Amino acid sequence: MRSEMQSRVPERRQAHPNDRFGAVVAACATVLFTEAVIGLIAAYVWGRTQEGPSTPINPMALLLLVVAAPFLVAAVYVFSSLLTVSAVSPLLRAAAWLGRRFSGRETWWWVPVATAAATAPPVLAGAILTDTGPLAGLAGWLAATAALTAPALVARRLLLPNRPRLSGRAMFWRVAAFGTLASVGAFTLAGIALSAGIGYEPPLLNAEQAAGTYSDGRGGTLTLTADGRATVSRLHTFDFSSPGEPLVRECSGIGAWSRGPADGPYVQQVDVSVDACPVDIDGFDVHGTREAPKLYATVGDPDAGEFYVLRRD
């Protein structure tokens, strides 16, 4: 009789996110901010592994970022409030329903399952519209799932039965402490990886290795010989004498070339001198690989990351 009465005791379910809205929003905002910091670190490391010149850091952009930091934090908080209502709360309710429906109880692993199912349609639609490859689409889907699963799991733990009711401020400082540790850990791992040589290093070429015919893919060519002779045909030159966009001209003729150091310990530069050209051709940074070198010339503002690229045939 007693066991029968116990079986009729209703199951204690997790609270609704709106019941502890302040703490849930603070938790989601802090987790999202931590994810953004770690994402920036990962993007920087990924950029260092890519072949080609990297865009220099603009001090003015860093200053503007520092000045705008309070407004960015406020924007993240507002965004997190909307995300809590529109995404986190429905995901937690869906995960709880799936758990009761298919396993008889609410378990945490239904949260990533529900999130993966919810993010699949928009990510698939975006991949189709942008003509993204299968691997890039899969990576985007996994990233979106992880980005929403983390704050949802934190909010779920906060809403479990018998959990103490915390204010938004207390929840913020608790999650911020773990977020800081995670960010410092990601920064440390990134430094170790870059120090271990995971980053891209341009090749150092001698005259014989640099010799060959380079093409811009638009009819312009540059031929370098090991004895220092250079032949250009319809090669683009850029005149920066006037403000605004540089004036682009084609150049053809015979001249000389030489190698020299450029910015950075592993970068060298190819300078080409042709008397028939209206503008000097110089400042080609050597990138690519030793077997397939490339020549990069900055076009316009260096911060814009626009380059004129020549690839060896």
C-alpha atoms as a PDB file:
ATOM      1  CA  MET A   1       0.000   0.000   0.000  1.00  0.00           C
ATOM      2  CA  ARG A   2       2.775   2.370   0.896  1.00  0.00           C
ATOM      3  CA  SER A   3       4.681   1.621  -2.314  1.00  0.00           C
ATOM      4  CA  GLU A   4       1.502   2.260  -4.298  1.00  0.00           C
ATOM      5  CA  MET A   5       1.092   5.678  -2.677  1.00  0.00           C
ATOM      6  CA  GLN A   6       4.730   6.497  -3.399  1.00  0.00           C
ATOM      7  CA  SER A   7       4.286   5.605  -7.053  1.00  0.00           C
ATOM      8  CA  ARG A   8       1.535   8.187  -7.314  1.00  0.00           C
ATOM      9  CA  VAL A   9       3.747  11.015  -6.086  1.00  0.00           C
ATOM     10  CA  PRO A  10       4.117  13.417  -9.020  1.00  0.00           C
ATOM     11  CA  GLU A  11       7.553  13.772 -10.552  1.00  0.00           C
ATOM     12  CA  ARG A  12       9.375  16.949  -9.575  1.00  0.00           C
ATOM     13  CA  ARG A  13      10.268  18.807 -12.724  1.00  0.00           C
ATOM     14  CA  GLN A  14      12.692  21.626 -13.332  1.00  0.00           C
ATOM     15  CA  ALA A  15      11.360  25.147 -12.992  1.00  0.00           C
ATOM     16  CA  HIS A  16      10.369  27.281 -15.959  1.00  0.00           C
ATOM     17  CA  PRO A  17      13.101  29.761 -17.097  1.00  0.00           C
ATOM     18  CA  ASN A  18      10.723  32.678 -16.495  1.00  0.00           C
ATOM     19  CA  ASP A  19      10.531  31.731 -12.804  1.00  0.00           C
ATOM     20  CA  ARG A  20      14.181  32.762 -12.342  1.00  0.00           C
ATOM     21  CA  PHE A  21      14.500  35.071 -15.296  1.00  0.00           C
ATOM     22  CA  GLY A  22      17.185  37.381 -13.863  1.00  0.00           C
ATOM     23  CA  ALA A  23      19.553  34.586 -12.914  1.00  0.00           C
ATOM     24  CA  VAL A  24      18.955  32.722 -16.185  1.00  0.00           C
ATOM     25  CA  VAL A  25      19.629  35.825 -18.286  1.00  0.00           C
ATOM     26  CA  ALA A  26      22.791  36.612 -16.312  1.00  0.00           C
ATOM     27  CA  ALA A  27      24.019  33.059 -16.788  1.00  0.00           C
ATOM     28  CA  CYS A  28      23.243  33.021 -20.520  1.00  0.00           C
ATOM     29  CA  ALA A  29      24.820  36.445 -21.054  1.00  0.00           C
ATOM     30  CA  THR A  30      28.029  35.454 -19.289  1.00  0.00           C
ATOM     31  CA  VAL A  31      28.288  32.144 -21.141  1.00  0.00           C
ATOM     32  CA  LEU A  32      27.684  33.852 -24.501  1.00  0.00           C
ATOM     33  CA  PHE A  33      30.299  36.497 -23.721  1.00  0.00           C
ATOM     34  CA  THR A  34      32.802  33.785 -22.777  1.00  0.00           C
ATOM     35  CA  GLU A  35      32.025  31.952 -26.000  1.00  0.00           C
ATOM     36  CA  ALA A  36      32.644  35.156 -27.959  1.00  0.00           C
ATOM     37  CA  VAL A  37      36.053  35.655 -26.306  1.00  0.00           C
ATOM     38  CA  ILE A  38      37.101  32.056 -26.928  1.00  0.00           C
ATOM     39  CA  GLY A  39      35.793  32.321 -30.488  1.00  0.00           C
ATOM     40  CA  LEU A  40      37.946  35.395 -31.135  1.00  0.00           C
ATOM     41  CA  ILE A  41      41.004  33.554 -29.801  1.00  0.00           C
ATOM     42  CA  ALA A  42      40.239  30.555 -32.016  1.00  0.00           C
ATOM     43  CA  ALA A  43      39.703  32.815 -35.037  1.00  0.00           C
ATOM     44  CA  TYR A  44      43.063  34.497 -34.435  1.00  0.00           C
ATOM     45  CA  VAL A  45      44.854  31.152 -34.213  1.00  0.00           C
ATOM     46  CA  TRP A  46      43.061  29.935 -37.347  1.00  0.00           C
ATOM     47  CA  GLY A  47      44.107  33.107 -39.168  1.00  0.00           C
ATOM     48  CA  ARG A  48      47.730  32.525 -38.178  1.00  0.00           C
ATOM     49  CA  THR A  49      47.597  29.066 -39.753  1.00  0.00           C
ATOM     50  CA  GLN A  50      46.355  30.356 -43.114  1.00  0.00           C
ATOM     51  CA  GLU A  51      48.686  30.896 -46.016  1.00  0.00           C
ATOM     52  CA  GLY A  52      49.253  34.504 -47.005  1.00  0.00           C
ATOM     53  CA  PRO A  53      49.917  37.853 -45.321  1.00  0.00           C
ATOM     54  CA  SER A  54      47.935  38.773 -42.251  1.00  0.00           C
ATOM     55  CA  THR A  55      46.203  42.119 -41.857  1.00  0.00           C
ATOM     56  CA  PRO A  56      48.055  44.287 -39.311  1.00  0.00           C
ATOM     57  CA  ILE A  57      46.345  45.262 -36.098  1.00  0.00           C
ATOM     58  CA  ASN A  58      44.977  48.786 -36.240  1.00  0.00           C
ATOM     59  CA  PRO A  59      45.659  50.661 -32.945  1.00  0.00           C
ATOM     60  CA  MET A  60      42.711  52.973 -33.589  1.00  0.00           C
ATOM     61  CA  ALA A  61      40.399  49.961 -33.957  1.00  0.00           C
ATOM     62  CA  LEU A  62      41.644  48.604 -30.622  1.00  0.00           C
ATOM     63  CA  LEU A  63      41.029  51.978 -28.959  1.00  0.00           C
ATOM     64  CA  LEU A  64      37.499  52.122 -30.358  1.00  0.00           C
ATOM     65  CA  LEU A  65      36.904  48.591 -29.113  1.00  0.00           C
ATOM     66  CA  VAL A  66      37.950  49.574 -25.582  1.00  0.00           C
ATOM     67  CA  VAL A  67      35.725  52.666 -25.658  1.00  0.00           C
ATOM     68  CA  ALA A  68      32.777  50.683 -26.993  1.00  0.00           C
ATOM     69  CA  ALA A  69      33.235  47.785 -24.532  1.00  0.00           C
ATOM     70  CA  PRO A  70      30.483  48.946 -22.074  1.00  0.00           C
ATOM     71  CA  PHE A  71      28.021  49.336 -24.929  1.00  0.00           C
ATOM     72  CA  LEU A  72      28.969  45.900 -26.276  1.00  0.00           C
ATOM     73  CA  VAL A  73      28.374  44.344 -22.863  1.00  0.00           C
ATOM     74  CA  ALA A  74      24.965  46.035 -22.671  1.00  0.00           C
ATOM     75  CA  ALA A  75      24.140  44.817 -26.169  1.00  0.00           C
ATOM     76  CA  VAL A  76      25.126  41.259 -25.200  1.00  0.00           C
ATOM     77  CA  TYR A  77      22.861  41.465 -22.151  1.00  0.00           C
ATOM     78  CA  VAL A  78      19.891  42.638 -24.239  1.00  0.00           C
ATOM     79  CA  PHE A  79      20.602  39.991 -26.861  1.00  0.00           C
ATOM     80  CA  SER A  80      20.865  37.330 -24.174  1.00  0.00           C
ATOM     81  CA  SER A  81      17.514  38.380 -22.720  1.00  0.00           C
ATOM     82  CA  LEU A  82      15.896  37.949 -26.133  1.00  0.00           C
ATOM     83  CA  LEU A  83      17.753  34.687 -26.685  1.00  0.00           C
ATOM     84  CA  THR A  84      16.612  33.365 -23.308  1.00  0.00           C
ATOM     85  CA  VAL A  85      12.971  33.981 -24.166  1.00  0.00           C
ATOM     86  CA  SER A  86      13.091  32.999 -27.844  1.00  0.00           C
ATOM     87  CA  ALA A  87      15.593  30.109 -27.853  1.00  0.00           C
ATOM     88  CA  VAL A  88      16.847  28.878 -24.460  1.00  0.00           C
ATOM     89  CA  SER A  89      13.417  28.592 -22.853  1.00  0.00           C
ATOM     90  CA  PRO A  90      11.843  26.693 -25.802  1.00  0.00           C
ATOM     91  CA  LEU A  91      14.892  24.409 -26.029  1.00  0.00           C
ATOM     92  CA  LEU A  92      14.708  23.537 -22.331  1.00  0.00           C
ATOM     93  CA  ARG A  93      10.994  22.835 -22.585  1.00  0.00           C
ATOM     94  CA  ALA A  94      11.515  20.721 -25.704  1.00  0.00           C
ATOM     95  CA  ALA A  95      14.374  18.789 -24.088  1.00  0.00           C
ATOM     96  CA  ALA A  96      12.272  18.158 -20.974  1.00  0.00           C
ATOM     97  CA  TRP A  97       9.361  16.901 -23.088  1.00  0.00           C
ATOM     98  CA  LEU A  98      11.622  14.633 -25.146  1.00  0.00           C
ATOM     99  CA  GLY A  99      13.144  13.200 -21.976  1.00  0.00           C
ATOM    100  CA  ARG A 100       9.755  12.430 -20.418  1.00  0.00           C
ATOM    101  CA  ARG A 101       8.393  11.097 -23.698  1.00  0.00           C
ATOM    102  CA  PHE A 102      11.227   8.769 -24.730  1.00  0.00           C
ATOM    103  CA  SER A 103      13.210   7.981 -21.571  1.00  0.00           C
ATOM    104  CA  GLY A 104      10.711   8.615 -18.799  1.00  0.00           C
ATOM    105  CA  ARG A 105      12.703  11.377 -17.112  1.00  0.00           C
ATOM    106  CA  GLU A 106      14.359  14.701 -17.822  1.00  0.00           C
ATOM    107  CA  THR A 107      18.068  14.220 -18.512  1.00  0.00           C
ATOM    108  CA  TRP A 108      20.694  16.738 -19.586  1.00  0.00           C
ATOM    109  CA  TRP A 109      21.696  15.039 -22.827  1.00  0.00           C
ATOM    110  CA  TRP A 110      18.303  15.797 -24.371  1.00  0.00           C
ATOM    111  CA  VAL A 111      19.361  19.471 -24.416  1.00  0.00           C
ATOM    112  CA  PRO A 112      22.060  19.044 -27.130  1.00  0.00           C
ATOM    113  CA  VAL A 113      19.724  16.689 -29.029  1.00  0.00           C
ATOM    114  CA  ALA A 114      16.944  19.276 -29.090  1.00  0.00           C
ATOM    115  CA  THR A 115      19.415  22.043 -29.932  1.00  0.00           C
ATOM    116  CA  ALA A 116      20.931  20.080 -32.811  1.00  0.00           C
ATOM    117  CA  ALA A 117      17.468  19.423 -34.233  1.00  0.00           C
ATOM    118  CA  ALA A 118      16.479  23.085 -33.878  1.00  0.00           C
ATOM    119  CA  THR A 119      19.621  24.523 -35.481  1.00  0.00           C
ATOM    120  CA  ALA A 120      19.739  22.099 -38.419  1.00  0.00           C
ATOM    121  CA  PRO A 121      17.028  23.753 -40.619  1.00  0.00           C
ATOM    122  CA  PRO A 122      18.355  27.359 -40.461  1.00  0.00           C
ATOM    123  CA  VAL A 123      21.971  26.253 -40.911  1.00  0.00           C
ATOM    124  CA  LEU A 124      20.987  24.073 -43.884  1.00  0.00           C
ATOM    125  CA  ALA A 125      19.045  26.942 -45.432  1.00  0.00           C
ATOM    126  CA  GLY A 126      21.984  29.305 -44.945  1.00  0.00           C
ATOM    127  CA  ALA A 127      24.396  26.797 -46.466  1.00  0.00           C
ATOM    128  CA  ILE A 128      22.189  26.411 -49.533  1.00  0.00           C
ATOM    129  CA  LEU A 129      21.726  30.158 -49.992  1.00  0.00           C
ATOM    130  CA  THR A 130      25.446  30.901 -49.635  1.00  0.00           C
ATOM    131  CA  ASP A 131      26.584  27.842 -51.621  1.00  0.00           C
ATOM    132  CA  THR A 132      28.615  26.559 -48.674  1.00  0.00           C
ATOM    133  CA  GLY A 133      30.392  23.220 -48.969  1.00  0.00           C
ATOM    134  CA  PRO A 134      29.304  20.166 -46.939  1.00  0.00           C
ATOM    135  CA  LEU A 135      32.247  20.326 -44.508  1.00  0.00           C
ATOM    136  CA  ALA A 136      31.788  24.061 -43.869  1.00  0.00           C
ATOM    137  CA  GLY A 137      28.046  23.539 -43.406  1.00  0.00           C
ATOM    138  CA  LEU A 138      28.666  20.701 -40.935  1.00  0.00           C
ATOM    139  CA  ALA A 139      31.165  22.849 -39.021  1.00  0.00           C
ATOM    140  CA  GLY A 140      28.649  25.704 -38.882  1.00  0.00           C
ATOM    141  CA  TRP A 141      25.928  23.368 -37.619  1.00  0.00           C
ATOM    142  CA  LEU A 142      28.167  21.950 -34.876  1.00  0.00           C
ATOM    143  CA  ALA A 143      29.295  25.456 -33.871  1.00  0.00           C
ATOM    144  CA  ALA A 144      25.708  26.752 -33.670  1.00  0.00           C
ATOM    145  CA  THR A 145      24.644  23.698 -31.677  1.00  0.00           C
ATOM    146  CA  ALA A 146      27.525  24.087 -29.217  1.00  0.00           C
ATOM    147  CA  ALA A 147      26.960  27.847 -28.879  1.00  0.00           C
ATOM    148  CA  LEU A 148      23.329  27.356 -27.811  1.00  0.00           C
ATOM    149  CA  THR A 149      23.828  24.131 -25.867  1.00  0.00           C
ATOM    150  CA  ALA A 150      26.307  25.657 -23.397  1.00  0.00           C
ATOM    151  CA  PRO A 151      24.019  28.430 -22.036  1.00  0.00           C
ATOM    152  CA  ALA A 152      21.033  26.068 -22.131  1.00  0.00           C
ATOM    153  CA  LEU A 153      22.839  23.507 -19.961  1.00  0.00           C
ATOM    154  CA  VAL A 154      23.899  26.203 -17.501  1.00  0.00           C
ATOM    155  CA  ALA A 155      20.320  27.476 -17.304  1.00  0.00           C
ATOM    156  CA  ARG A 156      18.998  23.916 -16.898  1.00  0.00           C
ATOM    157  CA  ARG A 157      21.282  23.282 -13.934  1.00  0.00           C
ATOM    158  CA  LEU A 158      20.103  26.517 -12.382  1.00  0.00           C
ATOM    159  CA  LEU A 159      16.475  25.407 -12.742  1.00  0.00           C
ATOM    160  CA  LEU A 160      16.850  21.936 -11.266  1.00  0.00           C
ATOM    161  CA  PRO A 161      14.681  21.151  -8.191  1.00  0.00           C
ATOM    162  CA  ASN A 162      16.195  21.982  -4.804  1.00  0.00           C
ATOM    163  CA  ARG A 163      18.715  24.351  -6.400  1.00  0.00           C
ATOM    164  CA  PRO A 164      19.159  27.561  -4.379  1.00  0.00           C
ATOM    165  CA  ARG A 165      17.527  30.669  -5.791  1.00  0.00           C
ATOM    166  CA  LEU A 166      20.316  33.032  -6.835  1.00  0.00           C
ATOM    167  CA  SER A 167      20.046  36.643  -7.864  1.00  0.00           C
ATOM    168  CA  GLY A 168      21.178  37.775 -11.278  1.00  0.00           C
ATOM    169  CA  ARG A 169      24.261  39.450  -9.785  1.00  0.00           C
ATOM    170  CA  ALA A 170      25.300  36.362  -7.837  1.00  0.00           C
ATOM    171  CA  MET A 171      24.807  34.159 -10.883  1.00  0.00           C
ATOM    172  CA  PHE A 172      26.819  36.569 -13.024  1.00  0.00           C
ATOM    173  CA  TRP A 173      29.853  36.445 -10.731  1.00  0.00           C
ATOM    174  CA  ARG A 174      29.687  32.666 -10.407  1.00  0.00           C
ATOM    175  CA  VAL A 175      29.587  32.047 -14.154  1.00  0.00           C
ATOM    176  CA  ALA A 176      32.053  34.888 -14.825  1.00  0.00           C
ATOM    177  CA  ALA A 177      34.653  33.176 -12.624  1.00  0.00           C
ATOM    178  CA  PHE A 178      34.445  29.970 -14.650  1.00  0.00           C
ATOM    179  CA  GLY A 179      34.288  31.952 -17.898  1.00  0.00           C
ATOM    180  CA  THR A 180      37.469  33.802 -16.991  1.00  0.00           C
ATOM    181  CA  LEU A 181      39.247  30.528 -16.270  1.00  0.00           C
ATOM    182  CA  ALA A 182      38.045  29.111 -19.595  1.00  0.00           C
ATOM    183  CA  SER A 183      39.204  32.216 -21.487  1.00  0.00           C
ATOM    184  CA  VAL A 184      42.608  32.193 -19.801  1.00  0.00           C
ATOM    185  CA  GLY A 185      42.929  28.487 -20.585  1.00  0.00           C
ATOM    186  CA  ALA A 186      42.055  29.063 -24.253  1.00  0.00           C
ATOM    187  CA  PHE A 187      44.542  31.936 -24.444  1.00  0.00           C
ATOM    188  CA  THR A 188      47.260  29.773 -22.877  1.00  0.00           C
ATOM    189  CA  LEU A 189      46.590  26.875 -25.243  1.00  0.00           C
ATOM    190  CA  ALA A 190      46.638  29.255 -28.210  1.00  0.00           C
ATOM    191  CA  GLY A 191      50.030  30.627 -27.119  1.00  0.00           C
ATOM    192  CA  ILE A 192      51.438  27.135 -26.668  1.00  0.00           C
ATOM    193  CA  ALA A 193      50.138  26.041 -30.081  1.00  0.00           C
ATOM    194  CA  LEU A 194      51.589  29.073 -31.852  1.00  0.00           C
ATOM    195  CA  SER A 195      54.901  28.693 -30.026  1.00  0.00           C
ATOM    196  CA  ALA A 196      55.012  25.047 -31.117  1.00  0.00           C
ATOM    197  CA  GLY A 197      54.905  26.133 -34.747  1.00  0.00           C
ATOM    198  CA  ILE A 198      51.266  25.602 -35.677  1.00  0.00           C
ATOM    199  CA  GLY A 199      51.193  29.015 -37.349  1.00  0.00           C
ATOM    200  CA  TYR A 200      52.001  29.549 -41.001  1.00  0.00           C
ATOM    201  CA  GLU A 201      55.542  30.660 -41.864  1.00  0.00           C
ATOM    202  CA  PRO A 202      56.321  31.981 -45.363  1.00  0.00           C
ATOM    203  CA  PRO A 203      59.197  30.250 -47.159  1.00  0.00           C
ATOM    204  CA  LEU A 204      62.713  31.626 -47.559  1.00  0.00           C
ATOM    205  CA  LEU A 205      63.767  31.224 -51.188  1.00  0.00           C
ATOM    206  CA  ASN A 206      67.115  31.577 -52.912  1.00  0.00           C
ATOM    207  CA  ALA A 207      67.373  32.942 -56.432  1.00  0.00           C
ATOM    208  CA  GLU A 208      66.961  29.549 -58.083  1.00  0.00           C
ATOM    209  CA  GLN A 209      63.920  28.658 -55.988  1.00  0.00           C
ATOM    210  CA  ALA A 210      62.222  32.007 -56.645  1.00  0.00           C
ATOM    211  CA  ALA A 211      62.819  31.908 -60.413  1.00  0.00           C
ATOM    212  CA  GLY A 212      59.883  31.135 -62.678  1.00  0.00           C
ATOM    213  CA  THR A 213      56.816  32.669 -64.309  1.00  0.00           C
ATOM    214  CA  TYR A 214      54.152  34.149 -62.056  1.00  0.00           C
ATOM    215  CA  SER A 215      50.636  34.950 -63.252  1.00  0.00           C
ATOM    216  CA  ASP A 216      47.830  37.068 -61.816  1.00  0.00           C
ATOM    217  CA  GLY A 217      45.152  34.971 -63.535  1.00  0.00           C
ATOM    218  CA  ARG A 218      44.018  37.950 -65.640  1.00  0.00           C
ATOM    219  CA  GLY A 219      46.639  37.934 -68.371  1.00  0.00           C
ATOM    220  CA  GLY A 220      49.436  39.586 -66.403  1.00  0.00           C
ATOM    221  CA  THR A 221      52.714  37.713 -65.961  1.00  0.00           C
ATOM    222  CA  LEU A 222      56.056  38.229 -64.260  1.00  0.00           C
ATOM    223  CA  THR A 223      59.030  36.068 -65.242  1.00  0.00           C
ATOM    224  CA  LEU A 224      62.055  35.929 -62.945  1.00  0.00           C
ATOM    225  CA  THR A 225      65.347  34.279 -63.843  1.00  0.00           C
ATOM    226  CA  ALA A 226      68.021  33.120 -61.435  1.00  0.00           C
ATOM    227  CA  ASP A 227      70.526  35.679 -62.789  1.00  0.00           C
ATOM    228  CA  GLY A 228      68.315  38.642 -61.726  1.00  0.00           C
ATOM    229  CA  ARG A 229      66.489  39.321 -65.006  1.00  0.00           C
ATOM    230  CA  ALA A 230      62.766  40.203 -64.892  1.00  0.00           C
ATOM    231  CA  THR A 231      60.238  40.253 -67.756  1.00  0.00           C
ATOM    232  CA  VAL A 232      56.757  41.634 -67.215  1.00  0.00           C
ATOM    233  CA  SER A 233      53.755  41.481 -69.525  1.00  0.00           C
ATOM    234  CA  ARG A 234      50.494  43.329 -68.822  1.00  0.00           C
ATOM    235  CA  LEU A 235      51.328  43.304 -65.129  1.00  0.00           C
ATOM    236  CA  HIS A 236      49.247  45.602 -62.949  1.00  0.00           C
ATOM    237  CA  THR A 237      50.916  48.531 -61.242  1.00  0.00           C
ATOM    238  CA  PHE A 238      49.262  50.761 -58.661  1.00  0.00           C
ATOM    239  CA  ASP A 239      49.763  54.508 -58.461  1.00  0.00           C
ATOM    240  CA  PHE A 240      49.173  55.829 -54.926  1.00  0.00           C
ATOM    241  CA  SER A 241      50.197  59.432 -55.669  1.00  0.00           C
ATOM    242  CA  SER A 242      46.626  60.742 -55.543  1.00  0.00           C
ATOM    243  CA  PRO A 243      44.156  60.299 -52.663  1.00  0.00           C
ATOM    244  CA  GLY A 244      41.418  57.714 -52.914  1.00  0.00           C
ATOM    245  CA  GLU A 245      41.603  54.460 -54.813  1.00  0.00           C
ATOM    246  CA  PRO A 246      44.984  53.719 -56.453  1.00  0.00           C
ATOM    247  CA  LEU A 247      45.274  54.158 -60.206  1.00  0.00           C
ATOM    248  CA  VAL A 248      45.744  50.773 -61.873  1.00  0.00           C
ATOM    249  CA  ARG A 249      47.926  50.572 -64.980  1.00  0.00           C
ATOM    250  CA  GLU A 250      49.338  47.733 -67.024  1.00  0.00           C
ATOM    251  CA  CYS A 251      53.055  47.352 -67.449  1.00  0.00           C
ATOM    252  CA  SER A 252      55.178  45.432 -69.978  1.00  0.00           C
ATOM    253  CA  GLY A 253      58.939  45.431 -70.372  1.00  0.00           C
ATOM    254  CA  ILE A 254      62.282  43.981 -69.304  1.00  0.00           C
ATOM    255  CA  GLY A 255      64.190  44.857 -66.158  1.00  0.00           C
ATOM    256  CA  ALA A 256      65.790  43.351 -63.056  1.00  0.00           C
ATOM    257  CA  TRP A 257      64.704  41.934 -59.733  1.00  0.00           C
ATOM    258  CA  SER A 258      66.268  41.371 -56.339  1.00  0.00           C
ATOM    259  CA  ARG A 259      65.441  39.774 -53.008  1.00  0.00           C
ATOM    260  CA  GLY A 260      65.427  41.526 -49.662  1.00  0.00           C
ATOM    261  CA  PRO A 261      64.033  41.296 -46.130  1.00  0.00           C
ATOM    262  CA  ALA A 262      60.513  42.457 -45.410  1.00  0.00           C
ATOM    263  CA  ASP A 263      58.409  42.817 -42.253  1.00  0.00           C
ATOM    264  CA  GLY A 264      58.969  39.795 -40.027  1.00  0.00           C
ATOM    265  CA  PRO A 265      61.826  37.330 -39.506  1.00  0.00           C
ATOM    266  CA  TYR A 266      60.492  34.731 -41.936  1.00  0.00           C
ATOM    267  CA  VAL A 267      59.351  37.035 -44.757  1.00  0.00           C
ATOM    268  CA  GLN A 268      61.343  38.167 -47.745  1.00  0.00           C
ATOM    269  CA  GLN A 269      60.479  40.618 -50.464  1.00  0.00           C
ATOM    270  CA  VAL A 270      60.878  40.672 -54.230  1.00  0.00           C
ATOM    271  CA  ASP A 271      61.619  44.074 -55.771  1.00  0.00           C
ATOM    272  CA  VAL A 272      61.189  44.451 -59.525  1.00  0.00           C
ATOM    273  CA  SER A 273      62.574  47.390 -61.501  1.00  0.00           C
ATOM    274  CA  VAL A 274      61.404  47.963 -65.115  1.00  0.00           C
ATOM    275  CA  ASP A 275      62.207  51.287 -66.796  1.00  0.00           C
ATOM    276  CA  ALA A 276      59.227  51.007 -69.185  1.00  0.00           C
ATOM    277  CA  CYS A 277      56.719  50.902 -66.339  1.00  0.00           C
ATOM    278  CA  PRO A 278      55.113  54.210 -65.288  1.00  0.00           C
ATOM    279  CA  VAL A 279      55.160  53.123 -61.636  1.00  0.00           C
ATOM    280  CA  ASP A 280      57.804  51.135 -59.802  1.00  0.00           C
ATOM    281  CA  ILE A 281      56.955  47.490 -59.158  1.00  0.00           C
ATOM    282  CA  ASP A 282      58.192  46.627 -55.701  1.00  0.00           C
ATOM    283  CA  GLY A 283      57.058  45.345 -52.366  1.00  0.00           C
ATOM    284  CA  PHE A 284      56.022  41.827 -53.400  1.00  0.00           C
ATOM    285  CA  ASP A 285      56.014  39.703 -50.225  1.00  0.00           C
ATOM    286  CA  VAL A 286      56.900  36.048 -50.733  1.00  0.00           C
ATOM    287  CA  HIS A 287      54.275  33.623 -49.411  1.00  0.00           C
ATOM    288  CA  GLY A 288      52.847  30.263 -50.390  1.00  0.00           C
ATOM    289  CA  THR A 289      55.216  27.313 -50.113  1.00  0.00           C
ATOM    290  CA  ARG A 290      58.721  26.568 -51.349  1.00  0.00           C
ATOM    291  CA  GLU A 291      57.290  24.340 -54.070  1.00  0.00           C
ATOM    292  CA  ALA A 292      54.501  26.763 -55.046  1.00  0.00           C
ATOM    293  CA  PRO A 293      55.481  30.319 -54.037  1.00  0.00           C
ATOM    294  CA  LYS A 294      53.165  33.301 -54.351  1.00  0.00           C
ATOM    295  CA  LEU A 295      53.874  37.030 -54.510  1.00  0.00           C
ATOM    296  CA  TYR A 296      51.583  39.410 -52.627  1.00  0.00           C
ATOM    297  CA  ALA A 297      51.401  43.176 -53.106  1.00  0.00           C
ATOM    298  CA  THR A 298      49.206  45.315 -50.858  1.00  0.00           C
ATOM    299  CA  VAL A 299      46.594  47.325 -52.734  1.00  0.00           C
ATOM    300  CA  GLY A 300      45.268  50.492 -51.064  1.00  0.00           C
ATOM    301  CA  ASP A 301      44.833  50.660 -47.301  1.00  0.00           C
ATOM    302  CA  PRO A 302      46.907  47.919 -45.580  1.00  0.00           C
ATOM    303  CA  ASP A 303      44.146  47.489 -42.982  1.00  0.00           C
ATOM    304  CA  ALA A 304      41.653  46.556 -45.726  1.00  0.00           C
ATOM    305  CA  GLY A 305      43.467  43.316 -46.520  1.00  0.00           C
ATOM    306  CA  GLU A 306      43.322  43.737 -50.310  1.00  0.00           C
ATOM    307  CA  PHE A 307      46.188  42.145 -52.225  1.00  0.00           C
ATOM    308  CA  TYR A 308      47.414  41.703 -55.774  1.00  0.00           C
ATOM    309  CA  VAL A 309      48.492  38.062 -55.952  1.00  0.00           C
ATOM    310  CA  LEU A 310      50.838  36.396 -58.447  1.00  0.00           C
ATOM    311  CA  ARG A 311      51.052  32.604 -58.494  1.00  0.00           C
ATOM    312  CA  ARG A 312      53.908  30.692 -60.059  1.00  0.00           C
ATOM    313  CA  ASP A 313      52.812  28.539 -62.993  1.00  0.00           C
END
